[in-house]
PDB file of N, CA and C in Angstrom:
ATOM      1  N   MET A   1     -27.962 -22.432   8.277  1.00  0.00           N
ATOM      2  CA  MET A   1     -27.356 -21.129   8.402  1.00  0.00           C
ATOM      3  C   MET A   1     -28.437 -20.044   8.438  1.00  0.00           C
ATOM      4  N   LYS A   2     -29.424 -20.177   7.563  1.00  0.00           N
ATOM      5  CA  LYS A   2     -30.508 -19.198   7.507  1.00  0.00           C
ATOM      6  C   LYS A   2     -31.253 -19.167   8.839  1.00  0.00           C
ATOM      7  N   GLN A   3     -31.518 -20.329   9.407  1.00  0.00           N
ATOM      8  CA  GLN A   3     -32.251 -20.395  10.675  1.00  0.00           C
ATOM      9  C   GLN A   3     -31.437 -19.791  11.816  1.00  0.00           C
ATOM     10  N   VAL A   4     -30.139 -20.024  11.818  1.00  0.00           N
ATOM     11  CA  VAL A   4     -29.272 -19.459  12.853  1.00  0.00           C
ATOM     12  C   VAL A   4     -29.309 -17.932  12.799  1.00  0.00           C
ATOM     13  N   VAL A   5     -29.203 -17.375  11.606  1.00  0.00           N
ATOM     14  CA  VAL A   5     -29.218 -15.914  11.447  1.00  0.00           C
ATOM     15  C   VAL A   5     -30.590 -15.358  11.822  1.00  0.00           C
ATOM     16  N   THR A   6     -31.649 -16.029  11.410  1.00  0.00           N
ATOM     17  CA  THR A   6     -33.002 -15.583  11.763  1.00  0.00           C
ATOM     18  C   THR A   6     -33.195 -15.595  13.276  1.00  0.00           C
ATOM     19  N   ASN A   7     -32.725 -16.639  13.943  1.00  0.00           N
ATOM     20  CA  ASN A   7     -32.820 -16.703  15.404  1.00  0.00           C
ATOM     21  C   ASN A   7     -32.024 -15.576  16.052  1.00  0.00           C
ATOM     22  N   ARG A   8     -30.851 -15.275  15.500  1.00  0.00           N
ATOM     23  CA  ARG A   8     -30.025 -14.184  16.028  1.00  0.00           C
ATOM     24  C   ARG A   8     -30.762 -12.847  15.894  1.00  0.00           C
ATOM     25  N   ILE A   9     -31.367 -12.608  14.742  1.00  0.00           N
ATOM     26  CA  ILE A   9     -32.113 -11.369  14.507  1.00  0.00           C
ATOM     27  C   ILE A   9     -33.259 -11.251  15.505  1.00  0.00           C
ATOM     28  N   ASN A  10     -33.985 -12.338  15.707  1.00  0.00           N
ATOM     29  CA  ASN A  10     -35.105 -12.319  16.652  1.00  0.00           C
ATOM     30  C   ASN A  10     -34.636 -12.038  18.072  1.00  0.00           C
ATOM     31  N   ALA A  11     -33.518 -12.635  18.469  1.00  0.00           N
ATOM     32  CA  ALA A  11     -32.980 -12.406  19.812  1.00  0.00           C
ATOM     33  C   ALA A  11     -32.541 -10.949  19.979  1.00  0.00           C
ATOM     34  N   ILE A  12     -31.906 -10.401  18.956  1.00  0.00           N
ATOM     35  CA  ILE A  12     -31.477  -9.001  19.011  1.00  0.00           C
ATOM     36  C   ILE A  12     -32.698  -8.086  19.098  1.00  0.00           C
ATOM     37  N   ASP A  13     -33.729  -8.379  18.315  1.00  0.00           N
ATOM     38  CA  ASP A  13     -34.957  -7.570  18.361  1.00  0.00           C
ATOM     39  C   ASP A  13     -35.569  -7.589  19.762  1.00  0.00           C
ATOM     40  N   ARG A  14     -35.607  -8.767  20.386  1.00  0.00           N
ATOM     41  CA  ARG A  14     -36.144  -8.856  21.750  1.00  0.00           C
ATOM     42  C   ARG A  14     -35.302  -8.036  22.715  1.00  0.00           C
ATOM     43  N   ASP A  15     -33.974  -8.126  22.565  1.00  0.00           N
ATOM     44  CA  ASP A  15     -33.085  -7.377  23.456  1.00  0.00           C
ATOM     45  C   ASP A  15     -33.255  -5.871  23.273  1.00  0.00           C
ATOM     46  N   ILE A  16     -33.399  -5.426  22.045  1.00  0.00           N
ATOM     47  CA  ILE A  16     -33.563  -3.993  21.786  1.00  0.00           C
ATOM     48  C   ILE A  16     -34.894  -3.491  22.336  1.00  0.00           C
ATOM     49  N   ARG A  17     -35.919  -4.312  22.272  1.00  0.00           N
ATOM     50  CA  ARG A  17     -37.230  -3.917  22.813  1.00  0.00           C
ATOM     51  C   ARG A  17     -37.228  -3.955  24.337  1.00  0.00           C
ATOM     52  N   HIS A  18     -36.174  -4.512  24.907  1.00  0.00           N
ATOM     53  CA  HIS A  18     -36.013  -4.591  26.363  1.00  0.00           C
ATOM     54  C   HIS A  18     -37.188  -5.293  27.032  1.00  0.00           C
ATOM     55  N   GLU A  19     -37.580  -6.426  26.434  1.00  0.00           N
ATOM     56  CA  GLU A  19     -38.648  -7.210  27.045  1.00  0.00           C
ATOM     57  C   GLU A  19     -38.196  -7.669  28.424  1.00  0.00           C
ATOM     58  N   GLY A  20     -39.041  -7.518  29.384  1.00  0.00           N
ATOM     59  CA  GLY A  20     -38.727  -7.932  30.735  1.00  0.00           C
ATOM     60  C   GLY A  20     -37.799  -6.972  31.452  1.00  0.00           C
ATOM     61  N   MET A  21     -37.761  -5.718  30.996  1.00  0.00           N
ATOM     62  CA  MET A  21     -36.860  -4.738  31.603  1.00  0.00           C
ATOM     63  C   MET A  21     -37.298  -4.459  33.038  1.00  0.00           C
ATOM     64  N   THR A  22     -36.335  -4.327  33.885  1.00  0.00           N
ATOM     65  CA  THR A  22     -36.576  -4.033  35.285  1.00  0.00           C
ATOM     66  C   THR A  22     -37.152  -2.628  35.460  1.00  0.00           C
ATOM     67  N   ALA A  23     -37.828  -2.387  36.568  1.00  0.00           N
ATOM     68  CA  ALA A  23     -38.409  -1.071  36.847  1.00  0.00           C
ATOM     69  C   ALA A  23     -37.378  -0.094  37.408  1.00  0.00           C
ATOM     70  N   ASP A  24     -36.236  -0.579  37.815  1.00  0.00           N
ATOM     71  CA  ASP A  24     -35.190   0.263  38.406  1.00  0.00           C
ATOM     72  C   ASP A  24     -34.525   1.094  37.306  1.00  0.00           C
ATOM     73  N   TRP A  25     -34.568   2.446  37.457  1.00  0.00           N
ATOM     74  CA  TRP A  25     -34.043   3.363  36.443  1.00  0.00           C
ATOM     75  C   TRP A  25     -32.554   3.161  36.193  1.00  0.00           C
ATOM     76  N   SER A  26     -31.772   2.954  37.219  1.00  0.00           N
ATOM     77  CA  SER A  26     -30.326   2.785  37.023  1.00  0.00           C
ATOM     78  C   SER A  26     -30.025   1.502  36.263  1.00  0.00           C
ATOM     79  N   GLU A  27     -30.787   0.456  36.547  1.00  0.00           N
ATOM     80  CA  GLU A  27     -30.586  -0.793  35.812  1.00  0.00           C
ATOM     81  C   GLU A  27     -31.059  -0.661  34.362  1.00  0.00           C
ATOM     82  N   GLN A  28     -32.128   0.115  34.143  1.00  0.00           N
ATOM     83  CA  GLN A  28     -32.598   0.346  32.775  1.00  0.00           C
ATOM     84  C   GLN A  28     -31.550   1.076  31.959  1.00  0.00           C
ATOM     85  N   ALA A  29     -30.901   2.063  32.576  1.00  0.00           N
ATOM     86  CA  ALA A  29     -29.851   2.805  31.867  1.00  0.00           C
ATOM     87  C   ALA A  29     -28.731   1.866  31.456  1.00  0.00           C
ATOM     88  N   SER A  30     -28.374   0.972  32.341  1.00  0.00           N
ATOM     89  CA  SER A  30     -27.317   0.005  32.044  1.00  0.00           C
ATOM     90  C   SER A  30     -27.747  -0.940  30.927  1.00  0.00           C
ATOM     91  N   GLU A  31     -29.000  -1.366  30.969  1.00  0.00           N
ATOM     92  CA  GLU A  31     -29.516  -2.284  29.948  1.00  0.00           C
ATOM     93  C   GLU A  31     -29.555  -1.620  28.573  1.00  0.00           C
ATOM     94  N   ARG A  32     -29.765  -0.316  28.538  1.00  0.00           N
ATOM     95  CA  ARG A  32     -29.868   0.404  27.264  1.00  0.00           C
ATOM     96  C   ARG A  32     -28.510   0.798  26.679  1.00  0.00           C
ATOM     97  N   GLU A  33     -27.459   0.679  27.458  1.00  0.00           N
ATOM     98  CA  GLU A  33     -26.126   1.066  26.979  1.00  0.00           C
ATOM     99  C   GLU A  33     -25.698   0.290  25.748  1.00  0.00           C
ATOM    100  N   ASN A  34     -26.150  -0.917  25.634  1.00  0.00           N
ATOM    101  CA  ASN A  34     -25.715  -1.775  24.535  1.00  0.00           C
ATOM    102  C   ASN A  34     -26.591  -1.679  23.296  1.00  0.00           C
ATOM    103  N   ASP A  35     -27.565  -0.773  23.287  1.00  0.00           N
ATOM    104  CA  ASP A  35     -28.480  -0.679  22.149  1.00  0.00           C
ATOM    105  C   ASP A  35     -27.763  -0.413  20.826  1.00  0.00           C
ATOM    106  N   GLU A  36     -26.761   0.458  20.810  1.00  0.00           N
ATOM    107  CA  GLU A  36     -26.046   0.756  19.565  1.00  0.00           C
ATOM    108  C   GLU A  36     -25.320  -0.477  19.048  1.00  0.00           C
ATOM    109  N   VAL A  37     -24.707  -1.217  19.946  1.00  0.00           N
ATOM    110  CA  VAL A  37     -24.020  -2.445  19.543  1.00  0.00           C
ATOM    111  C   VAL A  37     -25.033  -3.448  19.003  1.00  0.00           C
ATOM    112  N   LEU A  38     -26.156  -3.586  19.696  1.00  0.00           N
ATOM    113  CA  LEU A  38     -27.195  -4.512  19.235  1.00  0.00           C
ATOM    114  C   LEU A  38     -27.744  -4.096  17.877  1.00  0.00           C
ATOM    115  N   GLU A  39     -27.941  -2.793  17.669  1.00  0.00           N
ATOM    116  CA  GLU A  39     -28.419  -2.321  16.370  1.00  0.00           C
ATOM    117  C   GLU A  39     -27.440  -2.667  15.264  1.00  0.00           C
ATOM    118  N   SER A  40     -26.163  -2.481  15.525  1.00  0.00           N
ATOM    119  CA  SER A  40     -25.132  -2.801  14.540  1.00  0.00           C
ATOM    120  C   SER A  40     -25.132  -4.296  14.232  1.00  0.00           C
ATOM    121  N   LEU A  41     -25.222  -5.109  15.268  1.00  0.00           N
ATOM    122  CA  LEU A  41     -25.282  -6.566  15.069  1.00  0.00           C
ATOM    123  C   LEU A  41     -26.545  -6.948  14.300  1.00  0.00           C
ATOM    124  N   GLY A  42     -27.644  -6.291  14.617  1.00  0.00           N
ATOM    125  CA  GLY A  42     -28.896  -6.572  13.910  1.00  0.00           C
ATOM    126  C   GLY A  42     -28.800  -6.210  12.445  1.00  0.00           C
ATOM    127  N   ASN A  43     -28.210  -5.051  12.143  1.00  0.00           N
ATOM    128  CA  ASN A  43     -28.046  -4.634  10.741  1.00  0.00           C
ATOM    129  C   ASN A  43     -27.151  -5.603   9.988  1.00  0.00           C
ATOM    130  N   SER A  44     -26.063  -6.030  10.608  1.00  0.00           N
ATOM    131  CA  SER A  44     -25.159  -6.995   9.974  1.00  0.00           C
ATOM    132  C   SER A  44     -25.873  -8.320   9.725  1.00  0.00           C
ATOM    133  N   SER A  45     -26.675  -8.732  10.683  1.00  0.00           N
ATOM    134  CA  SER A  45     -27.411  -9.992  10.543  1.00  0.00           C
ATOM    135  C   SER A  45     -28.465  -9.904   9.449  1.00  0.00           C
ATOM    136  N   GLU A  46     -29.134  -8.753   9.347  1.00  0.00           N
ATOM    137  CA  GLU A  46     -30.124  -8.552   8.284  1.00  0.00           C
ATOM    138  C   GLU A  46     -29.457  -8.639   6.909  1.00  0.00           C
ATOM    139  N   LEU A  47     -28.287  -8.031   6.763  1.00  0.00           N
ATOM    140  CA  LEU A  47     -27.542  -8.091   5.505  1.00  0.00           C
ATOM    141  C   LEU A  47     -27.124  -9.527   5.200  1.00  0.00           C
ATOM    142  N   GLU A  48     -26.658 -10.235   6.229  1.00  0.00           N
ATOM    143  CA  GLU A  48     -26.270 -11.637   6.045  1.00  0.00           C
ATOM    144  C   GLU A  48     -27.462 -12.470   5.595  1.00  0.00           C
ATOM    145  N   LEU A  49     -28.630 -12.225   6.171  1.00  0.00           N
ATOM    146  CA  LEU A  49     -29.835 -12.961   5.778  1.00  0.00           C
ATOM    147  C   LEU A  49     -30.209 -12.666   4.325  1.00  0.00           C
ATOM    148  N   LEU A  50     -30.080 -11.415   3.904  1.00  0.00           N
ATOM    149  CA  LEU A  50     -30.340 -11.080   2.497  1.00  0.00           C
ATOM    150  C   LEU A  50     -29.400 -11.854   1.567  1.00  0.00           C
ATOM    151  N   LYS A  51     -28.124 -11.930   1.937  1.00  0.00           N
ATOM    152  CA  LYS A  51     -27.147 -12.655   1.121  1.00  0.00           C
ATOM    153  C   LYS A  51     -27.466 -14.151   1.079  1.00  0.00           C
ATOM    154  N   ILE A  52     -27.886 -14.704   2.206  1.00  0.00           N
ATOM    155  CA  ILE A  52     -28.252 -16.121   2.254  1.00  0.00           C
ATOM    156  C   ILE A  52     -29.458 -16.382   1.362  1.00  0.00           C
ATOM    157  N   ASN A  53     -30.467 -15.533   1.459  1.00  0.00           N
ATOM    158  CA  ASN A  53     -31.660 -15.702   0.617  1.00  0.00           C
ATOM    159  C   ASN A  53     -31.317 -15.576  -0.865  1.00  0.00           C
ATOM    160  N   TYR A  54     -30.406 -14.663  -1.194  1.00  0.00           N
ATOM    161  CA  TYR A  54     -29.983 -14.512  -2.583  1.00  0.00           C
ATOM    162  C   TYR A  54     -29.230 -15.759  -3.048  1.00  0.00           C
ATOM    163  N   ALA A  55     -28.392 -16.316  -2.176  1.00  0.00           N
ATOM    164  CA  ALA A  55     -27.677 -17.553  -2.523  1.00  0.00           C
ATOM    165  C   ALA A  55     -28.661 -18.693  -2.761  1.00  0.00           C
ATOM    166  N   LEU A  56     -29.688 -18.784  -1.940  1.00  0.00           N
ATOM    167  CA  LEU A  56     -30.700 -19.833  -2.128  1.00  0.00           C
ATOM    168  C   LEU A  56     -31.438 -19.641  -3.447  1.00  0.00           C
ATOM    169  N   LYS A  57     -31.715 -18.397  -3.820  1.00  0.00           N
ATOM    170  CA  LYS A  57     -32.343 -18.106  -5.116  1.00  0.00           C
ATOM    171  C   LYS A  57     -31.425 -18.538  -6.254  1.00  0.00           C
ATOM    172  N   ARG A  58     -30.125 -18.255  -6.101  1.00  0.00           N
ATOM    173  CA  ARG A  58     -29.163 -18.619  -7.131  1.00  0.00           C
ATOM    174  C   ARG A  58     -29.044 -20.143  -7.260  1.00  0.00           C
ATOM    175  N   ILE A  59     -29.153 -20.844  -6.138  1.00  0.00           N
ATOM    176  CA  ILE A  59     -29.148 -22.316  -6.185  1.00  0.00           C
ATOM    177  C   ILE A  59     -30.357 -22.786  -6.987  1.00  0.00           C
ATOM    178  N   ASP A  60     -31.521 -22.209  -6.683  1.00  0.00           N
ATOM    179  CA  ASP A  60     -32.757 -22.598  -7.378  1.00  0.00           C
ATOM    180  C   ASP A  60     -32.703 -22.340  -8.877  1.00  0.00           C
ATOM    181  N   ASP A  61     -32.087 -21.205  -9.275  1.00  0.00           N
ATOM    182  CA  ASP A  61     -32.078 -20.889 -10.708  1.00  0.00           C
ATOM    183  C   ASP A  61     -30.837 -21.420 -11.433  1.00  0.00           C
ATOM    184  N   GLY A  62     -29.961 -22.126 -10.700  1.00  0.00           N
ATOM    185  CA  GLY A  62     -28.811 -22.771 -11.326  1.00  0.00           C
ATOM    186  C   GLY A  62     -27.593 -21.889 -11.528  1.00  0.00           C
ATOM    187  N   SER A  63     -27.592 -20.689 -10.952  1.00  0.00           N
ATOM    188  CA  SER A  63     -26.464 -19.778 -11.165  1.00  0.00           C
ATOM    189  C   SER A  63     -25.522 -19.684  -9.963  1.00  0.00           C
ATOM    190  N   TYR A  64     -25.710 -20.551  -8.978  1.00  0.00           N
ATOM    191  CA  TYR A  64     -24.949 -20.465  -7.726  1.00  0.00           C
ATOM    192  C   TYR A  64     -23.437 -20.522  -7.921  1.00  0.00           C
ATOM    193  N   PHE A  65     -22.975 -21.328  -8.839  1.00  0.00           N
ATOM    194  CA  PHE A  65     -21.533 -21.540  -9.015  1.00  0.00           C
ATOM    195  C   PHE A  65     -20.875 -20.537  -9.962  1.00  0.00           C
ATOM    196  N   GLN A  66     -21.666 -19.593 -10.510  1.00  0.00           N
ATOM    197  CA  GLN A  66     -21.117 -18.598 -11.425  1.00  0.00           C
ATOM    198  C   GLN A  66     -21.112 -17.207 -10.775  1.00  0.00           C
ATOM    199  N   CYS A  67     -20.055 -16.458 -11.072  1.00  0.00           N
ATOM    200  CA  CYS A  67     -19.904 -15.091 -10.572  1.00  0.00           C
ATOM    201  C   CYS A  67     -20.970 -14.194 -11.197  1.00  0.00           C
ATOM    202  N   ASP A  68     -21.596 -13.372 -10.372  1.00  0.00           N
ATOM    203  CA  ASP A  68     -22.606 -12.425 -10.867  1.00  0.00           C
ATOM    204  C   ASP A  68     -22.010 -11.380 -11.806  1.00  0.00           C
ATOM    205  N   GLU A  69     -20.754 -11.034 -11.620  1.00  0.00           N
ATOM    206  CA  GLU A  69     -20.117  -9.982 -12.414  1.00  0.00           C
ATOM    207  C   GLU A  69     -19.613 -10.486 -13.757  1.00  0.00           C
ATOM    208  N   CYS A  70     -18.759 -11.507 -13.730  1.00  0.00           N
ATOM    209  CA  CYS A  70     -18.080 -11.935 -14.958  1.00  0.00           C
ATOM    210  C   CYS A  70     -18.563 -13.277 -15.509  1.00  0.00           C
ATOM    211  N   GLY A  71     -19.338 -14.015 -14.722  1.00  0.00           N
ATOM    212  CA  GLY A  71     -19.851 -15.301 -15.176  1.00  0.00           C
ATOM    213  C   GLY A  71     -18.888 -16.459 -14.999  1.00  0.00           C
ATOM    214  N   ALA A  72     -17.670 -16.188 -14.525  1.00  0.00           N
ATOM    215  CA  ALA A  72     -16.694 -17.261 -14.302  1.00  0.00           C
ATOM    216  C   ALA A  72     -17.147 -18.135 -13.134  1.00  0.00           C
ATOM    217  N   ASP A  73     -16.605 -19.346 -13.104  1.00  0.00           N
ATOM    218  CA  ASP A  73     -16.912 -20.246 -12.000  1.00  0.00           C
ATOM    219  C   ASP A  73     -16.334 -19.700 -10.697  1.00  0.00           C
ATOM    220  N   ILE A  74     -17.108 -19.815  -9.635  1.00  0.00           N
ATOM    221  CA  ILE A  74     -16.625 -19.477  -8.296  1.00  0.00           C
ATOM    222  C   ILE A  74     -15.994 -20.750  -7.738  1.00  0.00           C
ATOM    223  N   PRO A  75     -14.735 -20.692  -7.305  1.00  0.00           N
ATOM    224  CA  PRO A  75     -14.073 -21.894  -6.801  1.00  0.00           C
ATOM    225  C   PRO A  75     -14.832 -22.519  -5.628  1.00  0.00           C
ATOM    226  N   PRO A  76     -14.951 -23.855  -5.618  1.00  0.00           N
ATOM    227  CA  PRO A  76     -15.655 -24.535  -4.528  1.00  0.00           C
ATOM    228  C   PRO A  76     -15.103 -24.177  -3.138  1.00  0.00           C
ATOM    229  N   ALA A  77     -13.792 -23.972  -3.028  1.00  0.00           N
ATOM    230  CA  ALA A  77     -13.213 -23.616  -1.732  1.00  0.00           C
ATOM    231  C   ALA A  77     -13.744 -22.265  -1.267  1.00  0.00           C
ATOM    232  N   ARG A  78     -13.949 -21.342  -2.189  1.00  0.00           N
ATOM    233  CA  ARG A  78     -14.497 -20.023  -1.831  1.00  0.00           C
ATOM    234  C   ARG A  78     -15.943 -20.163  -1.378  1.00  0.00           C
ATOM    235  N   LEU A  79     -16.718 -20.963  -2.071  1.00  0.00           N
ATOM    236  CA  LEU A  79     -18.113 -21.171  -1.692  1.00  0.00           C
ATOM    237  C   LEU A  79     -18.216 -21.908  -0.350  1.00  0.00           C
ATOM    238  N   GLU A  80     -17.259 -22.775  -0.084  1.00  0.00           N
ATOM    239  CA  GLU A  80     -17.257 -23.470   1.200  1.00  0.00           C
ATOM    240  C   GLU A  80     -16.985 -22.481   2.339  1.00  0.00           C
ATOM    241  N   LEU A  81     -16.082 -21.559   2.089  1.00  0.00           N
ATOM    242  CA  LEU A  81     -15.725 -20.556   3.094  1.00  0.00           C
ATOM    243  C   LEU A  81     -16.810 -19.485   3.224  1.00  0.00           C
ATOM    244  N   LEU A  82     -17.331 -19.025   2.091  1.00  0.00           N
ATOM    245  CA  LEU A  82     -18.369 -17.984   2.044  1.00  0.00           C
ATOM    246  C   LEU A  82     -19.546 -18.495   1.211  1.00  0.00           C
ATOM    247  N   PRO A  83     -20.390 -19.321   1.787  1.00  0.00           N
ATOM    248  CA  PRO A  83     -21.446 -19.958   0.992  1.00  0.00           C
ATOM    249  C   PRO A  83     -22.447 -18.997   0.366  1.00  0.00           C
ATOM    250  N   PHE A  84     -22.484 -17.759   0.816  1.00  0.00           N
ATOM    251  CA  PHE A  84     -23.437 -16.818   0.247  1.00  0.00           C
ATOM    252  C   PHE A  84     -22.766 -15.786  -0.662  1.00  0.00           C
ATOM    253  N   THR A  85     -21.509 -16.028  -1.054  1.00  0.00           N
ATOM    254  CA  THR A  85     -20.858 -15.106  -1.979  1.00  0.00           C
ATOM    255  C   THR A  85     -21.457 -15.240  -3.372  1.00  0.00           C
ATOM    256  N   ALA A  86     -21.466 -14.141  -4.095  1.00  0.00           N
ATOM    257  CA  ALA A  86     -21.981 -14.152  -5.469  1.00  0.00           C
ATOM    258  C   ALA A  86     -20.901 -13.745  -6.461  1.00  0.00           C
ATOM    259  N   HIS A  87     -19.643 -13.673  -5.983  1.00  0.00           N
ATOM    260  CA  HIS A  87     -18.554 -13.200  -6.843  1.00  0.00           C
ATOM    261  C   HIS A  87     -17.320 -14.077  -6.716  1.00  0.00           C
ATOM    262  N   CYS A  88     -16.604 -14.205  -7.819  1.00  0.00           N
ATOM    263  CA  CYS A  88     -15.308 -14.864  -7.794  1.00  0.00           C
ATOM    264  C   CYS A  88     -14.327 -13.954  -7.048  1.00  0.00           C
ATOM    265  N   VAL A  89     -13.156 -14.468  -6.751  1.00  0.00           N
ATOM    266  CA  VAL A  89     -12.169 -13.702  -5.989  1.00  0.00           C
ATOM    267  C   VAL A  89     -11.792 -12.409  -6.707  1.00  0.00           C
ATOM    268  N   ASP A  90     -11.513 -12.502  -8.003  1.00  0.00           N
ATOM    269  CA  ASP A  90     -11.094 -11.315  -8.754  1.00  0.00           C
ATOM    270  C   ASP A  90     -12.151 -10.216  -8.725  1.00  0.00           C
ATOM    271  N   CYS A  91     -13.401 -10.565  -8.967  1.00  0.00           N
ATOM    272  CA  CYS A  91     -14.473  -9.563  -8.982  1.00  0.00           C
ATOM    273  C   CYS A  91     -14.719  -9.019  -7.575  1.00  0.00           C
ATOM    274  N   ALA A  92     -14.660  -9.878  -6.580  1.00  0.00           N
ATOM    275  CA  ALA A  92     -14.862  -9.422  -5.192  1.00  0.00           C
ATOM    276  C   ALA A  92     -13.794  -8.404  -4.818  1.00  0.00           C
ATOM    277  N   GLU A  93     -12.555  -8.650  -5.237  1.00  0.00           N
ATOM    278  CA  GLU A  93     -11.463  -7.701  -4.939  1.00  0.00           C
ATOM    279  C   GLU A  93     -11.704  -6.375  -5.652  1.00  0.00           C
ATOM    280  N   LYS A  94     -12.184  -6.415  -6.881  1.00  0.00           N
ATOM    281  CA  LYS A  94     -12.474  -5.175  -7.628  1.00  0.00           C
ATOM    282  C   LYS A  94     -13.623  -4.405  -6.966  1.00  0.00           C
ATOM    283  N   ILE A  95     -14.641  -5.108  -6.541  1.00  0.00           N
ATOM    284  CA  ILE A  95     -15.808  -4.469  -5.924  1.00  0.00           C
ATOM    285  C   ILE A  95     -15.449  -3.857  -4.581  1.00  0.00           C
ATOM    286  N   GLU A  96     -14.700  -4.590  -3.780  1.00  0.00           N
ATOM    287  CA  GLU A  96     -14.317  -4.117  -2.443  1.00  0.00           C
ATOM    288  C   GLU A  96     -13.181  -3.116  -2.493  1.00  0.00           C
ATOM    289  N   GLY A  97     -12.440  -3.135  -3.599  1.00  0.00           N
ATOM    290  CA  GLY A  97     -11.252  -2.413  -3.841  1.00  0.00           C
ATOM    291  C   GLY A  97     -11.030  -1.074  -3.402  1.00  0.00           C
TER     292      GLY A  97
END
């Protein structure tokens, strides 16, 4: 998962830098239209990578299965669905609330 997100970030960075951009001004304008969308995707991917790295740290220190807020066990089904979550359902609802 970490490698997939890292590859996505790298691809977005290349696209934003417009590597291999054509010399035609009208085509360049068209190529740049998607920069805001790419930036948003890049920001989301960066956040996802931070969460993945934090989950890996929690695995290493033995706290992966416990909620960061209340210390309760995070249900295995939740971790299967969101492997980088750090909160049980109740705490996640309060935080997002």
